[in-house]
Amino acid sequence: TLEAVLQAVADRLVVNVEIKSWGLGNDGSADQVAAVITRCGMQDRVIVSSFNPLTLRRFRAVLPDVAVGVLCPPTIPLYISEFMVSHRYEARHPHFTQIDKYYAAWASGQGYRINAWTVNDPADAIKLRDMGVDGIITDKPAEILAAVRHA
């Protein structure tokens, strides 16, 4: 469960929690995730993300001080994703193939953190780090961390 994961990493990691909610209506997922984060006392150790900006808006209404990031689908150009997102979020989570040095510089200049997903190739992770990407979302955390630390 999410609660078990948060308890297991409580003071060791910052955790990206993705809310998978696609509809326009309120399915309660934002409230449920907020409750788990609060129970675990992880408000300052998570960033909550979703492809659905309405879900992030609902989450932000419950826990306004928790960092949130909007996931940007790779099938939509980043400039359109930026136009569609009307709320200010702390982070942008584009697919790693969408990021170039110009986007990285723009996002940084706007005060956004950039967390690229899903980066499983160490060479891609190093390239993204060198462009100024703030975080990597990966299925291979040990391998990617070792690569960026030693490159």
C-alpha atoms as a PDB file:
ATOM      1  CA  THR A   1       0.000   0.000   0.000  1.00  0.00           C
ATOM      2  CA  LEU A   2       1.003   3.638  -0.295  1.00  0.00           C
ATOM      3  CA  GLU A   3       1.012   3.889   3.477  1.00  0.00           C
ATOM      4  CA  ALA A   4       3.451   0.970   3.797  1.00  0.00           C
ATOM      5  CA  VAL A   5       5.822   2.528   1.255  1.00  0.00           C
ATOM      6  CA  LEU A   6       5.743   5.931   2.937  1.00  0.00           C
ATOM      7  CA  GLN A   7       6.390   4.368   6.336  1.00  0.00           C
ATOM      8  CA  ALA A   8       9.290   2.333   4.940  1.00  0.00           C
ATOM      9  CA  VAL A   9      11.100   5.357   3.499  1.00  0.00           C
ATOM     10  CA  ALA A  10       9.894   7.948   6.004  1.00  0.00           C
ATOM     11  CA  ASP A  11      13.080   9.922   6.587  1.00  0.00           C
ATOM     12  CA  ARG A  12      15.287   8.633   3.775  1.00  0.00           C
ATOM     13  CA  LEU A  13      13.682   9.668   0.489  1.00  0.00           C
ATOM     14  CA  VAL A  14      11.508  12.235  -1.175  1.00  0.00           C
ATOM     15  CA  VAL A  15       8.743  10.221  -2.818  1.00  0.00           C
ATOM     16  CA  ASN A  16       6.845  11.047  -5.988  1.00  0.00           C
ATOM     17  CA  VAL A  17       3.233   9.934  -5.478  1.00  0.00           C
ATOM     18  CA  GLU A  18       1.299   9.783  -8.730  1.00  0.00           C
ATOM     19  CA  ILE A  19      -2.479  10.030  -8.533  1.00  0.00           C
ATOM     20  CA  LYS A  20      -3.971   8.157 -11.484  1.00  0.00           C
ATOM     21  CA  SER A  21      -7.306   9.840 -11.980  1.00  0.00           C
ATOM     22  CA  TRP A  22      -8.585  10.621 -15.455  1.00  0.00           C
ATOM     23  CA  GLY A  23     -12.140  11.883 -15.158  1.00  0.00           C
ATOM     24  CA  LEU A  24     -13.580  15.338 -14.715  1.00  0.00           C
ATOM     25  CA  GLY A  25     -15.520  14.291 -11.630  1.00  0.00           C
ATOM     26  CA  ASN A  26     -14.154  13.893  -8.136  1.00  0.00           C
ATOM     27  CA  ASP A  27     -13.395  10.198  -7.596  1.00  0.00           C
ATOM     28  CA  GLY A  28     -12.024  10.831  -4.098  1.00  0.00           C
ATOM     29  CA  SER A  29      -8.477   9.802  -4.969  1.00  0.00           C
ATOM     30  CA  ALA A  30      -6.970  13.192  -4.084  1.00  0.00           C
ATOM     31  CA  ASP A  31      -8.602  13.083  -0.640  1.00  0.00           C
ATOM     32  CA  GLN A  32      -7.466   9.500  -0.055  1.00  0.00           C
ATOM     33  CA  VAL A  33      -3.854  10.251  -0.976  1.00  0.00           C
ATOM     34  CA  ALA A  34      -3.892  13.395   1.184  1.00  0.00           C
ATOM     35  CA  ALA A  35      -5.150  11.377   4.154  1.00  0.00           C
ATOM     36  CA  VAL A  36      -2.372   8.782   3.808  1.00  0.00           C
ATOM     37  CA  ILE A  37       0.325  11.442   3.474  1.00  0.00           C
ATOM     38  CA  THR A  38      -0.998  13.198   6.576  1.00  0.00           C
ATOM     39  CA  ARG A  39      -1.214   9.968   8.614  1.00  0.00           C
ATOM     40  CA  CYS A  40       2.406   9.206   7.736  1.00  0.00           C
ATOM     41  CA  GLY A  41       3.578  12.750   8.451  1.00  0.00           C
ATOM     42  CA  MET A  42       5.202  12.945   5.009  1.00  0.00           C
ATOM     43  CA  GLN A  43       3.925  16.352   3.909  1.00  0.00           C
ATOM     44  CA  ASP A  44       7.465  17.671   3.445  1.00  0.00           C
ATOM     45  CA  ARG A  45       8.865  14.450   1.920  1.00  0.00           C
ATOM     46  CA  VAL A  46       6.535  13.914  -1.048  1.00  0.00           C
ATOM     47  CA  ILE A  47       5.714  15.519  -4.333  1.00  0.00           C
ATOM     48  CA  VAL A  48       2.278  14.594  -5.649  1.00  0.00           C
ATOM     49  CA  SER A  49       1.873  14.323  -9.404  1.00  0.00           C
ATOM     50  CA  SER A  50      -0.844  13.582 -11.919  1.00  0.00           C
ATOM     51  CA  PHE A  51      -1.613  13.968 -15.595  1.00  0.00           C
ATOM     52  CA  ASN A  52      -4.946  15.432 -14.485  1.00  0.00           C
ATOM     53  CA  PRO A  53      -4.666  19.084 -13.377  1.00  0.00           C
ATOM     54  CA  LEU A  54      -8.155  18.890 -11.842  1.00  0.00           C
ATOM     55  CA  THR A  55      -6.958  16.134  -9.525  1.00  0.00           C
ATOM     56  CA  LEU A  56      -3.975  18.267  -8.522  1.00  0.00           C
ATOM     57  CA  ARG A  57      -6.289  21.198  -7.860  1.00  0.00           C
ATOM     58  CA  ARG A  58      -8.426  18.993  -5.602  1.00  0.00           C
ATOM     59  CA  PHE A  59      -5.343  17.697  -3.795  1.00  0.00           C
ATOM     60  CA  ARG A  60      -3.988  21.228  -3.338  1.00  0.00           C
ATOM     61  CA  ALA A  61      -7.308  22.267  -1.762  1.00  0.00           C
ATOM     62  CA  VAL A  62      -6.797  19.619   0.949  1.00  0.00           C
ATOM     63  CA  LEU A  63      -3.027  19.942   1.473  1.00  0.00           C
ATOM     64  CA  PRO A  64      -1.988  23.346   0.098  1.00  0.00           C
ATOM     65  CA  ASP A  65       1.593  23.178   1.385  1.00  0.00           C
ATOM     66  CA  VAL A  66       2.531  19.856  -0.233  1.00  0.00           C
ATOM     67  CA  ALA A  67       4.533  20.139  -3.454  1.00  0.00           C
ATOM     68  CA  VAL A  68       2.717  19.092  -6.617  1.00  0.00           C
ATOM     69  CA  GLY A  69       3.860  18.525 -10.173  1.00  0.00           C
ATOM     70  CA  VAL A  70       1.885  18.146 -13.351  1.00  0.00           C
ATOM     71  CA  LEU A  71       2.831  15.230 -15.599  1.00  0.00           C
ATOM     72  CA  CYS A  72       3.089  16.199 -19.254  1.00  0.00           C
ATOM     73  CA  PRO A  73       2.139  13.462 -21.738  1.00  0.00           C
ATOM     74  CA  PRO A  74       4.697  12.883 -24.496  1.00  0.00           C
ATOM     75  CA  THR A  75       1.957  12.971 -27.132  1.00  0.00           C
ATOM     76  CA  ILE A  76       1.232  16.655 -26.447  1.00  0.00           C
ATOM     77  CA  PRO A  77       3.881  19.306 -27.198  1.00  0.00           C
ATOM     78  CA  LEU A  78       5.166  20.984 -24.039  1.00  0.00           C
ATOM     79  CA  TYR A  79       4.005  24.450 -25.088  1.00  0.00           C
ATOM     80  CA  ILE A  80       0.421  23.145 -25.282  1.00  0.00           C
ATOM     81  CA  SER A  81       0.781  21.400 -21.911  1.00  0.00           C
ATOM     82  CA  GLU A  82       1.974  24.697 -20.413  1.00  0.00           C
ATOM     83  CA  PHE A  83      -1.010  26.530 -21.897  1.00  0.00           C
ATOM     84  CA  MET A  84      -3.479  23.943 -20.547  1.00  0.00           C
ATOM     85  CA  VAL A  85      -2.178  24.133 -16.981  1.00  0.00           C
ATOM     86  CA  SER A  86      -3.689  27.220 -15.405  1.00  0.00           C
ATOM     87  CA  HIS A  87      -2.535  26.642 -11.817  1.00  0.00           C
ATOM     88  CA  ARG A  88       0.953  27.241 -10.520  1.00  0.00           C
ATOM     89  CA  TYR A  89       2.664  24.018  -9.555  1.00  0.00           C
ATOM     90  CA  GLU A  90       6.121  23.596  -8.086  1.00  0.00           C
ATOM     91  CA  ALA A  91       7.218  21.120 -10.721  1.00  0.00           C
ATOM     92  CA  ARG A  92       6.752  19.952 -14.254  1.00  0.00           C
ATOM     93  CA  HIS A  93       7.166  16.259 -15.035  1.00  0.00           C
ATOM     94  CA  PRO A  94       7.670  15.928 -18.794  1.00  0.00           C
ATOM     95  CA  HIS A  95       8.648  12.701 -20.487  1.00  0.00           C
ATOM     96  CA  PHE A  96      12.420  12.779 -20.778  1.00  0.00           C
ATOM     97  CA  THR A  97      12.287  12.796 -24.592  1.00  0.00           C
ATOM     98  CA  GLN A  98      10.510  16.170 -24.514  1.00  0.00           C
ATOM     99  CA  ILE A  99      13.232  18.002 -22.608  1.00  0.00           C
ATOM    100  CA  ASP A 100      15.918  20.069 -24.257  1.00  0.00           C
ATOM    101  CA  LYS A 101      18.230  22.730 -22.865  1.00  0.00           C
ATOM    102  CA  TYR A 102      15.825  25.501 -23.876  1.00  0.00           C
ATOM    103  CA  TYR A 103      12.878  24.019 -22.000  1.00  0.00           C
ATOM    104  CA  ALA A 104      15.093  23.306 -18.991  1.00  0.00           C
ATOM    105  CA  ALA A 105      16.287  26.929 -18.937  1.00  0.00           C
ATOM    106  CA  TRP A 106      12.753  28.282 -19.370  1.00  0.00           C
ATOM    107  CA  ALA A 107      11.279  26.122 -16.600  1.00  0.00           C
ATOM    108  CA  SER A 108      14.120  26.970 -14.242  1.00  0.00           C
ATOM    109  CA  GLY A 109      13.646  30.660 -14.983  1.00  0.00           C
ATOM    110  CA  GLN A 110       9.965  30.316 -14.087  1.00  0.00           C
ATOM    111  CA  GLY A 111      10.893  28.733 -10.745  1.00  0.00           C
ATOM    112  CA  TYR A 112       9.719  25.223 -11.642  1.00  0.00           C
ATOM    113  CA  ARG A 113      11.522  22.024 -10.758  1.00  0.00           C
ATOM    114  CA  ILE A 114      11.833  19.630 -13.679  1.00  0.00           C
ATOM    115  CA  ASN A 115      11.452  15.928 -12.912  1.00  0.00           C
ATOM    116  CA  ALA A 116      11.841  13.775 -16.021  1.00  0.00           C
ATOM    117  CA  TRP A 117      10.100  10.417 -16.434  1.00  0.00           C
ATOM    118  CA  THR A 118      10.709   7.493 -16.995  1.00  0.00           C
ATOM    119  CA  VAL A 119      14.489   7.513 -17.303  1.00  0.00           C
ATOM    120  CA  ASN A 120      16.054   4.045 -17.142  1.00  0.00           C
ATOM    121  CA  ASP A 121      19.171   4.599 -19.256  1.00  0.00           C
ATOM    122  CA  PRO A 122      22.158   6.025 -17.342  1.00  0.00           C
ATOM    123  CA  ALA A 123      23.353   7.970 -20.415  1.00  0.00           C
ATOM    124  CA  ASP A 124      19.975   9.713 -20.664  1.00  0.00           C
ATOM    125  CA  ALA A 125      20.064  10.525 -16.940  1.00  0.00           C
ATOM    126  CA  ILE A 126      23.517  12.110 -17.226  1.00  0.00           C
ATOM    127  CA  LYS A 127      22.435  14.154 -20.251  1.00  0.00           C
ATOM    128  CA  LEU A 128      19.339  15.382 -18.402  1.00  0.00           C
ATOM    129  CA  ARG A 129      21.361  16.275 -15.310  1.00  0.00           C
ATOM    130  CA  ASP A 130      23.737  18.276 -17.482  1.00  0.00           C
ATOM    131  CA  MET A 131      20.767  20.161 -18.981  1.00  0.00           C
ATOM    132  CA  GLY A 132      19.662  21.204 -15.499  1.00  0.00           C
ATOM    133  CA  VAL A 133      16.879  18.708 -14.803  1.00  0.00           C
ATOM    134  CA  ASP A 134      16.206  18.610 -11.049  1.00  0.00           C
ATOM    135  CA  GLY A 135      14.937  15.057 -10.624  1.00  0.00           C
ATOM    136  CA  ILE A 136      14.677  11.725 -12.369  1.00  0.00           C
ATOM    137  CA  ILE A 137      11.690   9.394 -12.138  1.00  0.00           C
ATOM    138  CA  THR A 138      12.993   5.897 -12.823  1.00  0.00           C
ATOM    139  CA  ASP A 139      12.405   2.182 -12.395  1.00  0.00           C
ATOM    140  CA  LYS A 140      16.127   1.733 -11.653  1.00  0.00           C
ATOM    141  CA  PRO A 141      16.993   4.163  -8.842  1.00  0.00           C
ATOM    142  CA  ALA A 142      20.267   2.554  -7.701  1.00  0.00           C
ATOM    143  CA  GLU A 143      21.668   2.319 -11.235  1.00  0.00           C
ATOM    144  CA  ILE A 144      20.654   5.851 -12.210  1.00  0.00           C
ATOM    145  CA  LEU A 145      21.901   7.373  -8.953  1.00  0.00           C
ATOM    146  CA  ALA A 146      25.273   5.668  -9.311  1.00  0.00           C
ATOM    147  CA  ALA A 147      25.583   6.883 -12.901  1.00  0.00           C
ATOM    148  CA  VAL A 148      24.835  10.543 -12.205  1.00  0.00           C
ATOM    149  CA  ARG A 149      27.034  10.617  -9.105  1.00  0.00           C
ATOM    150  CA  HIS A 150      30.059   9.172 -10.876  1.00  0.00           C
ATOM    151  CA  ALA A 151      29.805  10.859 -14.284  1.00  0.00           C
END
